[in-house]
Amino acid sequence: MLLCIDCGNTNTVFSVWDGETFRCTLRTATEHQRTADQYFVWFSTLMGHHRVPVDINAVVISSTVPRVVFNLRVLCDRYFNCRPLVVGKPDCALPVAPRVDQGTTVGPDRLVNTVAGYDRHGGNLIIVDFGTATTFDVVDADGAYIGGVIAPGVNLSLEALHMAAAALPHVDITKPALAIGTNTVACMQSGIYWGYVGLVEGIVRQIRLERNRPMKVIATGGLAPLFGQGTEIFDSVEDDLTMHGLVLIHRHNKDLETA
């Protein structure tokens, strides 16, 4: 079975693909101090809980936190007896190379989402990923990543607001019943929620204006379903986009090996 690992700034997700479906998806906090042994104890224990055998023979990794990759490589070598495919490294081929400024390094998560989005929806896409940062990835007609936008993430903005203004509490992210809040918490929730809806709609509008063509908009990330309730701009909301992209990239590289 294939183990797909998506390591973000906040959380790391492990998903086990059996060739037809994801058998198990597990989530843990991203900590660069975590050793290979700790990863395996956590992973094998929860796999047992879900009654899925730890029968991993291949691993593909996307990581926006370089320091965790070493211990994930050790995990693969020590416990799965395999060498992982790491997106963004020279030995990991993409179906279509990104077209950006020379010397620019594109985040692995953005490359993976591009591959997955193109496979499911074709080209001319805008992929909005609600993560630690809110990113907008622009996918050309042939499936190439051609640039995008990086904005502060929703939780990051909330934390900054709480830290910078002593009188403002920490609040949960939710869709408020009304835009006009009648207490401090409701005012903050409205500002964050509707402010981000406006940010997404405004950036998408500007990208479409610059591209001068119809473009589908796909949302992913943990908060995508919540913000999808406040706008009709998304053509699709998909929580498994990154994992689907990792499976496709692994398959593409295996096909190149056997060609």
Protein backbone atom coordinates (compact mmCIF):
# COMPACT_ATOMS: atom_id res chain seq x y z
CA MET A 1 0.00 0.00 0.00
CA LEU A 2 1.01 3.60 -0.61
CA LEU A 3 1.41 6.01 2.31
CA CYS A 4 0.76 9.64 1.36
CA ILE A 5 2.13 12.22 3.80
CA ASP A 6 1.15 15.89 3.61
CA CYS A 7 3.19 17.91 6.10
CA GLY A 8 1.93 21.47 6.56
CA ASN A 9 2.99 24.22 8.92
CA THR A 10 0.26 23.32 11.43
CA ASN A 11 -0.76 19.69 10.82
CA THR A 12 0.64 16.58 9.18
CA VAL A 13 -1.75 14.15 7.49
CA PHE A 14 -1.04 10.47 6.77
CA SER A 15 -3.35 8.69 4.30
CA VAL A 16 -3.09 5.04 3.24
CA TRP A 17 -4.02 4.28 -0.38
CA ASP A 18 -4.67 0.65 -1.32
CA GLY A 19 -4.79 1.24 -5.08
CA GLU A 20 -8.51 1.96 -5.19
CA THR A 21 -9.42 3.98 -2.12
CA PHE A 22 -7.98 5.66 0.98
CA ARG A 23 -8.25 3.08 3.74
CA CYS A 24 -7.32 5.37 6.61
CA THR A 25 -6.51 9.07 7.14
CA LEU A 26 -4.72 10.23 10.29
CA ARG A 27 -3.82 13.74 11.44
CA THR A 28 -1.20 14.97 13.92
CA ALA A 29 0.40 18.28 14.86
CA THR A 30 3.53 19.14 12.88
CA GLU A 31 6.57 19.00 15.18
CA HIS A 32 10.06 18.89 13.75
CA GLN A 33 11.37 17.30 16.98
CA ARG A 34 9.28 14.16 16.46
CA THR A 35 11.51 11.16 15.76
CA ALA A 36 10.95 8.32 13.30
CA ASP A 37 10.21 5.98 16.22
CA GLN A 38 7.57 8.34 17.60
CA TYR A 39 5.93 8.63 14.19
CA PHE A 40 5.77 4.85 13.87
CA VAL A 41 4.32 4.25 17.34
CA TRP A 42 1.60 6.84 16.70
CA PHE A 43 0.91 5.59 13.16
CA SER A 44 0.88 1.86 13.89
CA THR A 45 -1.28 2.29 16.99
CA LEU A 46 -3.98 4.20 15.12
CA MET A 47 -3.78 1.87 12.13
CA GLY A 48 -4.50 -0.98 14.54
CA HIS A 49 -7.42 0.97 15.97
CA HIS A 50 -8.87 1.31 12.46
CA ARG A 51 -8.06 -2.37 11.74
CA VAL A 52 -5.91 -1.53 8.73
CA PRO A 53 -2.70 -3.58 8.35
CA VAL A 54 0.59 -1.68 8.37
CA ASP A 55 1.55 -3.04 4.97
CA ILE A 56 3.30 -0.02 3.48
CA ASN A 57 5.64 -0.57 0.52
CA ALA A 58 5.81 2.95 -0.94
CA VAL A 59 5.68 6.50 0.43
CA VAL A 60 5.20 9.91 -1.18
CA ILE A 61 5.72 13.12 0.81
CA SER A 62 4.76 16.76 0.37
CA SER A 63 6.24 19.00 3.06
CA THR A 64 6.26 22.76 3.52
CA VAL A 65 8.44 22.25 6.64
CA PRO A 66 11.88 21.08 5.47
CA ARG A 67 13.09 20.12 8.95
CA VAL A 68 10.58 17.28 9.32
CA VAL A 69 11.56 15.53 6.09
CA PHE A 70 14.71 13.94 7.55
CA ASN A 71 12.81 12.03 10.25
CA LEU A 72 10.12 11.04 7.76
CA ARG A 73 12.86 9.62 5.52
CA VAL A 74 14.21 7.66 8.49
CA LEU A 75 10.69 6.39 9.21
CA CYS A 76 10.39 5.07 5.65
CA ASP A 77 13.82 3.44 5.68
CA ARG A 78 13.60 1.90 9.15
CA TYR A 79 10.00 0.71 9.27
CA PHE A 80 8.79 0.46 5.65
CA ASN A 81 12.07 -0.50 3.94
CA CYS A 82 11.57 2.01 1.14
CA ARG A 83 12.89 5.32 -0.13
CA PRO A 84 10.17 8.00 -0.16
CA LEU A 85 9.36 10.15 -3.15
CA VAL A 86 9.53 13.78 -2.00
CA VAL A 87 7.67 16.37 -4.06
CA GLY A 88 9.89 19.27 -5.04
CA LYS A 89 13.11 17.25 -5.07
CA PRO A 90 14.96 16.77 -8.38
CA ASP A 91 14.16 13.05 -8.54
CA CYS A 92 10.40 13.68 -8.30
CA ALA A 93 8.95 14.35 -11.76
CA LEU A 94 5.74 16.28 -12.33
CA PRO A 95 3.33 15.66 -15.22
CA VAL A 96 3.81 19.29 -16.32
CA ALA A 97 6.63 21.55 -15.07
CA PRO A 98 5.64 24.87 -13.43
CA ARG A 99 6.15 28.05 -15.40
CA VAL A 100 7.37 30.71 -12.97
CA ASP A 101 10.32 33.12 -12.68
CA GLN A 102 13.70 31.44 -12.96
CA GLY A 103 15.07 30.46 -9.55
CA THR A 104 11.65 30.50 -7.90
CA THR A 105 10.85 27.59 -5.60
CA VAL A 106 7.18 26.64 -5.63
CA GLY A 107 5.73 25.12 -2.45
CA PRO A 108 5.23 21.35 -2.78
CA ASP A 109 1.64 21.62 -1.58
CA ARG A 110 0.86 24.01 -4.42
CA LEU A 111 2.38 21.68 -7.00
CA VAL A 112 0.39 18.72 -5.62
CA ASN A 113 -2.89 20.67 -5.65
CA THR A 114 -2.20 21.74 -9.23
CA VAL A 115 -1.78 18.14 -10.39
CA ALA A 116 -4.92 17.01 -8.56
CA GLY A 117 -7.04 19.94 -9.70
CA TYR A 118 -6.06 19.48 -13.35
CA ASP A 119 -6.80 15.75 -13.21
CA ARG A 120 -10.31 16.34 -11.86
CA HIS A 121 -11.32 19.56 -13.58
CA GLY A 122 -9.01 20.22 -16.50
CA GLY A 123 -7.08 23.45 -17.00
CA ASN A 124 -7.82 27.13 -16.36
CA LEU A 125 -8.31 26.71 -12.63
CA ILE A 126 -7.93 28.77 -9.48
CA ILE A 127 -7.31 26.54 -6.45
CA VAL A 128 -7.93 28.23 -3.09
CA ASP A 129 -6.29 26.40 -0.18
CA PHE A 130 -7.33 27.46 3.33
CA GLY A 131 -4.24 26.47 5.33
CA THR A 132 -1.84 28.28 7.65
CA ALA A 133 -1.64 30.67 4.70
CA THR A 134 -4.53 31.14 2.28
CA THR A 135 -3.08 30.42 -1.14
CA PHE A 136 -4.44 30.86 -4.66
CA ASP A 137 -2.86 28.60 -7.30
CA VAL A 138 -3.41 29.40 -10.97
CA VAL A 139 -3.40 26.38 -13.31
CA ASP A 140 -2.95 26.94 -17.06
CA ALA A 141 -4.86 25.16 -19.82
CA ASP A 142 -2.22 22.40 -20.05
CA GLY A 143 -2.06 21.76 -16.30
CA ALA A 144 1.04 23.87 -15.52
CA TYR A 145 1.26 25.89 -12.33
CA ILE A 146 1.85 29.47 -13.52
CA GLY A 147 1.76 31.48 -10.29
CA GLY A 148 -0.67 32.61 -7.65
CA VAL A 149 -1.29 34.58 -4.49
CA ILE A 150 -0.31 34.07 -0.84
CA ALA A 151 -2.43 35.75 1.84
CA PRO A 152 -2.35 35.38 5.65
CA GLY A 153 -4.30 32.37 6.86
CA VAL A 154 -7.56 32.75 8.73
CA ASN A 155 -6.27 31.40 12.06
CA LEU A 156 -3.08 33.43 11.69
CA SER A 157 -5.11 36.61 11.25
CA LEU A 158 -7.27 35.81 14.27
CA GLU A 159 -4.21 35.16 16.42
CA ALA A 160 -2.58 38.41 15.30
CA LEU A 161 -5.74 40.34 16.14
CA HIS A 162 -5.90 38.77 19.59
CA MET A 163 -2.19 39.34 20.30
CA ALA A 164 -2.04 42.93 19.05
CA ALA A 165 -5.18 44.21 20.76
CA ALA A 166 -5.20 43.47 24.48
CA ALA A 167 -8.94 44.02 24.86
CA LEU A 168 -9.91 41.57 22.13
CA PRO A 169 -10.46 37.90 23.10
CA HIS A 170 -9.55 34.80 21.16
CA VAL A 171 -12.62 33.64 19.22
CA ASP A 172 -13.60 30.61 17.17
CA ILE A 173 -14.13 30.86 13.43
CA THR A 174 -17.77 30.49 12.50
CA LYS A 175 -20.27 31.91 10.04
CA PRO A 176 -22.14 34.65 11.91
CA ALA A 177 -25.90 34.94 11.60
CA LEU A 178 -25.60 38.65 10.79
CA ALA A 179 -22.80 40.84 9.44
CA ILE A 180 -23.48 43.49 12.09
CA GLY A 181 -22.27 42.17 15.43
CA THR A 182 -23.88 43.35 18.68
CA ASN A 183 -21.02 42.26 20.94
CA THR A 184 -17.23 42.04 20.69
CA VAL A 185 -17.06 38.34 19.80
CA ALA A 186 -19.76 38.64 17.13
CA CYS A 187 -18.02 41.70 15.65
CA MET A 188 -14.71 39.84 15.42
CA GLN A 189 -16.28 36.73 13.94
CA SER A 190 -18.08 38.81 11.33
CA GLY A 191 -14.91 40.71 10.43
CA ILE A 192 -12.90 37.54 9.97
CA TYR A 193 -15.56 35.53 8.16
CA TRP A 194 -16.97 38.13 5.80
CA GLY A 195 -13.57 39.75 5.44
CA TYR A 196 -12.12 36.51 4.10
CA VAL A 197 -15.10 35.90 1.86
CA GLY A 198 -14.48 39.34 0.40
CA LEU A 199 -10.75 38.65 0.10
CA VAL A 200 -11.36 35.41 -1.81
CA GLU A 201 -13.95 36.92 -4.11
CA GLY A 202 -11.80 39.97 -4.79
CA ILE A 203 -8.64 38.03 -5.60
CA VAL A 204 -10.51 35.55 -7.80
CA ARG A 205 -12.12 38.45 -9.66
CA GLN A 206 -8.72 40.07 -10.28
CA ILE A 207 -7.13 36.80 -11.46
CA ARG A 208 -9.99 36.23 -13.90
CA LEU A 209 -9.61 39.80 -15.15
CA GLU A 210 -5.88 39.31 -15.77
CA ARG A 211 -6.34 35.91 -17.42
CA ASN A 212 -9.30 37.15 -19.49
CA ARG A 213 -10.95 33.74 -19.73
CA PRO A 214 -13.45 31.58 -17.81
CA MET A 215 -11.80 29.89 -14.82
CA LYS A 216 -13.21 27.35 -12.40
CA VAL A 217 -12.52 27.89 -8.70
CA ILE A 218 -11.79 24.90 -6.46
CA ALA A 219 -11.55 25.21 -2.67
CA THR A 220 -9.62 22.89 -0.38
CA GLY A 221 -8.22 22.89 3.15
CA GLY A 222 -9.86 22.45 6.53
CA LEU A 223 -11.88 25.68 6.48
CA ALA A 224 -13.00 25.41 2.85
CA PRO A 225 -16.48 23.97 3.64
CA LEU A 226 -17.13 26.75 6.17
CA PHE A 227 -16.25 29.55 3.77
CA GLY A 228 -18.09 27.78 0.98
CA GLN A 229 -21.28 28.53 2.91
CA GLY A 230 -20.73 32.26 2.48
CA THR A 231 -20.05 32.51 -1.26
CA GLU A 232 -21.11 30.94 -4.53
CA ILE A 233 -17.72 31.52 -6.15
CA PHE A 234 -16.50 27.94 -5.64
CA ASP A 235 -17.34 25.39 -8.32
CA SER A 236 -16.22 22.58 -6.00
CA VAL A 237 -15.08 22.12 -2.39
CA GLU A 238 -12.76 19.13 -1.96
CA ASP A 239 -11.12 17.98 1.26
CA ASP A 240 -9.02 15.23 -0.36
CA LEU A 241 -7.42 17.26 -3.16
CA THR A 242 -3.86 17.13 -1.83
CA MET A 243 -3.94 13.39 -1.16
CA HIS A 244 -5.33 12.73 -4.62
CA GLY A 245 -2.46 14.75 -6.08
CA LEU A 246 0.13 12.76 -4.13
CA VAL A 247 -1.29 9.50 -5.51
CA LEU A 248 -1.14 10.90 -9.05
CA ILE A 249 2.46 12.11 -8.68
CA HIS A 250 3.57 8.76 -7.29
CA ARG A 251 1.82 6.95 -10.16
CA HIS A 252 3.43 9.28 -12.72
CA ASN A 253 6.91 8.56 -11.37
CA LYS A 254 6.30 4.79 -11.28
CA ASP A 255 5.14 4.93 -14.90
CA LEU A 256 8.36 6.76 -15.88
CA GLU A 257 10.42 4.05 -14.17
CA THR A 258 8.73 1.29 -16.12
CA ALA A 259 8.59 3.12 -19.47
